[in-house]
Amino acid sequence: MQKSLSIHLQKGMVKVFVWSVVLYGSEMWTLQKEDIRQLEAFEMWIWKRMMKVSWIEHKTNEEYCKW
């Protein structure tokens, strides 16, 4: 039987492994509105994938950020 990781541990792993790599690469960028929008979209994609949310569930980003 395969156990899944707790949501708290998953959040920590995303912050440590994913964001450290993404933001390291973007340190030298001059962030423009489009870049910020794409980083925010990537962040929501990561959280939705972590929560195993189907793309057909029509929820707002604010609903996903409540966890």
N, C-alpha and C. Protein backbone atom coordinates (compact mmCIF):
# COMPACT_ATOMS: atom_id res chain seq x y z
N MET A 1 0.84 -1.18 0.00
CA MET A 1 0.00 0.00 0.00
C MET A 1 0.89 1.25 0.00
N GLN A 2 0.56 2.16 -0.87
CA GLN A 2 1.37 3.37 -0.99
C GLN A 2 0.70 4.51 -0.23
N LYS A 3 1.43 5.12 0.68
CA LYS A 3 0.89 6.25 1.43
C LYS A 3 1.33 7.54 0.76
N SER A 4 0.45 8.53 0.79
CA SER A 4 0.83 9.81 0.23
C SER A 4 1.42 10.70 1.32
N LEU A 5 2.16 11.67 0.91
CA LEU A 5 2.78 12.60 1.86
C LEU A 5 1.74 13.58 2.38
N SER A 6 1.94 14.08 3.58
CA SER A 6 1.02 15.06 4.13
C SER A 6 1.11 16.35 3.31
N ILE A 7 0.04 17.10 3.33
CA ILE A 7 -0.02 18.36 2.56
C ILE A 7 1.04 19.33 3.08
N HIS A 8 1.30 19.32 4.38
CA HIS A 8 2.31 20.20 4.97
C HIS A 8 3.69 19.86 4.42
N LEU A 9 4.00 18.58 4.34
CA LEU A 9 5.29 18.15 3.80
C LEU A 9 5.38 18.46 2.31
N GLN A 10 4.31 18.28 1.57
CA GLN A 10 4.31 18.58 0.14
C GLN A 10 4.57 20.07 -0.09
N LYS A 11 3.92 20.92 0.68
CA LYS A 11 4.14 22.37 0.55
C LYS A 11 5.59 22.72 0.81
N GLY A 12 6.16 22.12 1.85
CA GLY A 12 7.56 22.39 2.17
C GLY A 12 8.49 21.95 1.06
N MET A 13 8.21 20.80 0.49
CA MET A 13 9.06 20.30 -0.60
C MET A 13 8.96 21.20 -1.82
N VAL A 14 7.77 21.70 -2.13
CA VAL A 14 7.61 22.61 -3.27
C VAL A 14 8.41 23.89 -3.02
N LYS A 15 8.30 24.42 -1.82
CA LYS A 15 9.03 25.65 -1.51
C LYS A 15 10.54 25.45 -1.59
N VAL A 16 11.03 24.34 -1.10
CA VAL A 16 12.47 24.10 -1.07
C VAL A 16 13.02 23.72 -2.43
N PHE A 17 12.41 22.75 -3.08
CA PHE A 17 12.97 22.22 -4.31
C PHE A 17 12.56 22.99 -5.56
N VAL A 18 11.30 23.31 -5.70
CA VAL A 18 10.82 23.93 -6.93
C VAL A 18 11.12 25.42 -6.94
N TRP A 19 10.70 26.14 -5.90
CA TRP A 19 10.87 27.59 -5.94
C TRP A 19 12.31 28.03 -5.85
N SER A 20 13.15 27.26 -5.16
CA SER A 20 14.56 27.65 -5.12
C SER A 20 15.17 27.61 -6.51
N VAL A 21 14.81 26.62 -7.32
CA VAL A 21 15.33 26.51 -8.68
C VAL A 21 14.74 27.58 -9.58
N VAL A 22 13.42 27.76 -9.51
CA VAL A 22 12.74 28.74 -10.37
C VAL A 22 13.23 30.15 -10.08
N LEU A 23 13.28 30.51 -8.82
CA LEU A 23 13.67 31.87 -8.48
C LEU A 23 15.17 32.11 -8.64
N TYR A 24 15.99 31.08 -8.51
CA TYR A 24 17.41 31.24 -8.76
C TYR A 24 17.64 31.66 -10.21
N GLY A 25 16.91 31.05 -11.11
CA GLY A 25 17.05 31.38 -12.52
C GLY A 25 16.52 32.76 -12.86
N SER A 26 15.59 33.25 -12.04
CA SER A 26 14.97 34.53 -12.36
C SER A 26 15.58 35.70 -11.60
N GLU A 27 16.61 35.47 -10.80
CA GLU A 27 17.22 36.54 -10.02
C GLU A 27 17.74 37.68 -10.88
N MET A 28 18.25 37.35 -12.03
CA MET A 28 18.87 38.36 -12.87
C MET A 28 17.89 39.00 -13.86
N TRP A 29 16.66 38.52 -13.85
CA TRP A 29 15.67 39.07 -14.77
C TRP A 29 15.22 40.45 -14.30
N THR A 30 14.88 41.28 -15.25
CA THR A 30 14.12 42.47 -14.95
C THR A 30 12.67 42.05 -15.12
N LEU A 31 11.98 41.85 -14.01
CA LEU A 31 10.62 41.30 -14.08
C LEU A 31 9.65 42.34 -14.62
N GLN A 32 8.95 41.94 -15.62
CA GLN A 32 7.92 42.77 -16.20
C GLN A 32 6.57 42.14 -15.86
N LYS A 33 5.49 42.83 -16.17
CA LYS A 33 4.16 42.33 -15.80
C LYS A 33 3.90 40.94 -16.37
N GLU A 34 4.30 40.69 -17.58
CA GLU A 34 4.08 39.39 -18.21
C GLU A 34 4.88 38.30 -17.49
N ASP A 35 6.10 38.60 -17.08
CA ASP A 35 6.92 37.63 -16.35
C ASP A 35 6.28 37.28 -15.00
N ILE A 36 5.80 38.29 -14.31
CA ILE A 36 5.15 38.07 -13.02
C ILE A 36 3.88 37.24 -13.21
N ARG A 37 3.12 37.53 -14.24
CA ARG A 37 1.91 36.78 -14.52
C ARG A 37 2.23 35.32 -14.80
N GLN A 38 3.28 35.07 -15.54
CA GLN A 38 3.66 33.69 -15.86
C GLN A 38 4.17 32.95 -14.62
N LEU A 39 4.91 33.62 -13.76
CA LEU A 39 5.36 32.99 -12.52
C LEU A 39 4.17 32.66 -11.61
N GLU A 40 3.18 33.55 -11.55
CA GLU A 40 1.99 33.28 -10.75
C GLU A 40 1.18 32.13 -11.33
N ALA A 41 1.09 32.06 -12.66
CA ALA A 41 0.38 30.95 -13.30
C ALA A 41 1.09 29.64 -13.03
N PHE A 42 2.42 29.65 -13.07
CA PHE A 42 3.20 28.45 -12.77
C PHE A 42 2.97 28.01 -11.33
N GLU A 43 2.94 28.98 -10.43
CA GLU A 43 2.70 28.66 -9.02
C GLU A 43 1.34 27.99 -8.84
N MET A 44 0.30 28.51 -9.47
CA MET A 44 -1.03 27.89 -9.35
C MET A 44 -1.04 26.51 -9.98
N TRP A 45 -0.33 26.33 -11.07
CA TRP A 45 -0.26 25.01 -11.71
C TRP A 45 0.38 24.00 -10.76
N ILE A 46 1.45 24.42 -10.08
CA ILE A 46 2.13 23.54 -9.13
C ILE A 46 1.18 23.15 -8.00
N TRP A 47 0.48 24.12 -7.40
CA TRP A 47 -0.41 23.82 -6.27
C TRP A 47 -1.56 22.92 -6.71
N LYS A 48 -2.10 23.17 -7.90
CA LYS A 48 -3.21 22.33 -8.38
C LYS A 48 -2.75 20.91 -8.65
N ARG A 49 -1.55 20.76 -9.21
CA ARG A 49 -1.01 19.42 -9.45
C ARG A 49 -0.75 18.71 -8.12
N MET A 50 -0.26 19.43 -7.16
CA MET A 50 0.03 18.84 -5.86
C MET A 50 -1.25 18.34 -5.18
N MET A 51 -2.34 19.08 -5.34
CA MET A 51 -3.61 18.72 -4.73
C MET A 51 -4.42 17.74 -5.59
N LYS A 52 -3.85 17.40 -6.76
CA LYS A 52 -4.51 16.47 -7.70
C LYS A 52 -5.90 16.96 -8.10
N VAL A 53 -5.96 18.23 -8.46
CA VAL A 53 -7.21 18.85 -8.88
C VAL A 53 -7.36 18.68 -10.38
N SER A 54 -8.52 18.26 -10.80
CA SER A 54 -8.79 18.11 -12.22
C SER A 54 -8.96 19.48 -12.87
N TRP A 55 -8.58 19.59 -14.11
CA TRP A 55 -8.69 20.87 -14.82
C TRP A 55 -10.15 21.23 -15.09
N ILE A 56 -11.06 20.26 -14.97
CA ILE A 56 -12.47 20.56 -15.24
C ILE A 56 -13.19 21.10 -14.01
N GLU A 57 -12.52 21.08 -12.85
CA GLU A 57 -13.11 21.70 -11.67
C GLU A 57 -12.95 23.21 -11.78
N HIS A 58 -14.02 23.89 -11.82
CA HIS A 58 -13.99 25.34 -12.03
C HIS A 58 -14.00 26.05 -10.67
N LYS A 59 -12.83 26.24 -10.13
CA LYS A 59 -12.66 26.96 -8.87
C LYS A 59 -11.72 28.12 -9.11
N THR A 60 -11.86 29.13 -8.29
CA THR A 60 -10.98 30.30 -8.44
C THR A 60 -9.64 30.02 -7.77
N ASN A 61 -8.65 30.80 -8.12
CA ASN A 61 -7.33 30.65 -7.53
C ASN A 61 -7.37 30.91 -6.03
N GLU A 62 -8.26 31.82 -5.58
CA GLU A 62 -8.37 32.13 -4.17
C GLU A 62 -8.83 30.91 -3.37
N GLU A 63 -9.68 30.08 -3.98
CA GLU A 63 -10.14 28.88 -3.30
C GLU A 63 -8.99 27.90 -3.10
N TYR A 64 -8.07 27.83 -4.03
CA TYR A 64 -6.93 26.93 -3.89
C TYR A 64 -5.91 27.46 -2.89
N CYS A 65 -5.84 28.75 -2.74
CA CYS A 65 -4.85 29.35 -1.83
C CYS A 65 -5.27 29.26 -0.37
N LYS A 66 -6.48 28.83 -0.08
CA LYS A 66 -6.96 28.76 1.30
C LYS A 66 -6.32 27.63 2.09
N TRP A 67 -5.75 26.59 1.44
CA TRP A 67 -5.20 25.49 2.20
C TRP A 67 -4.07 25.98 2.98
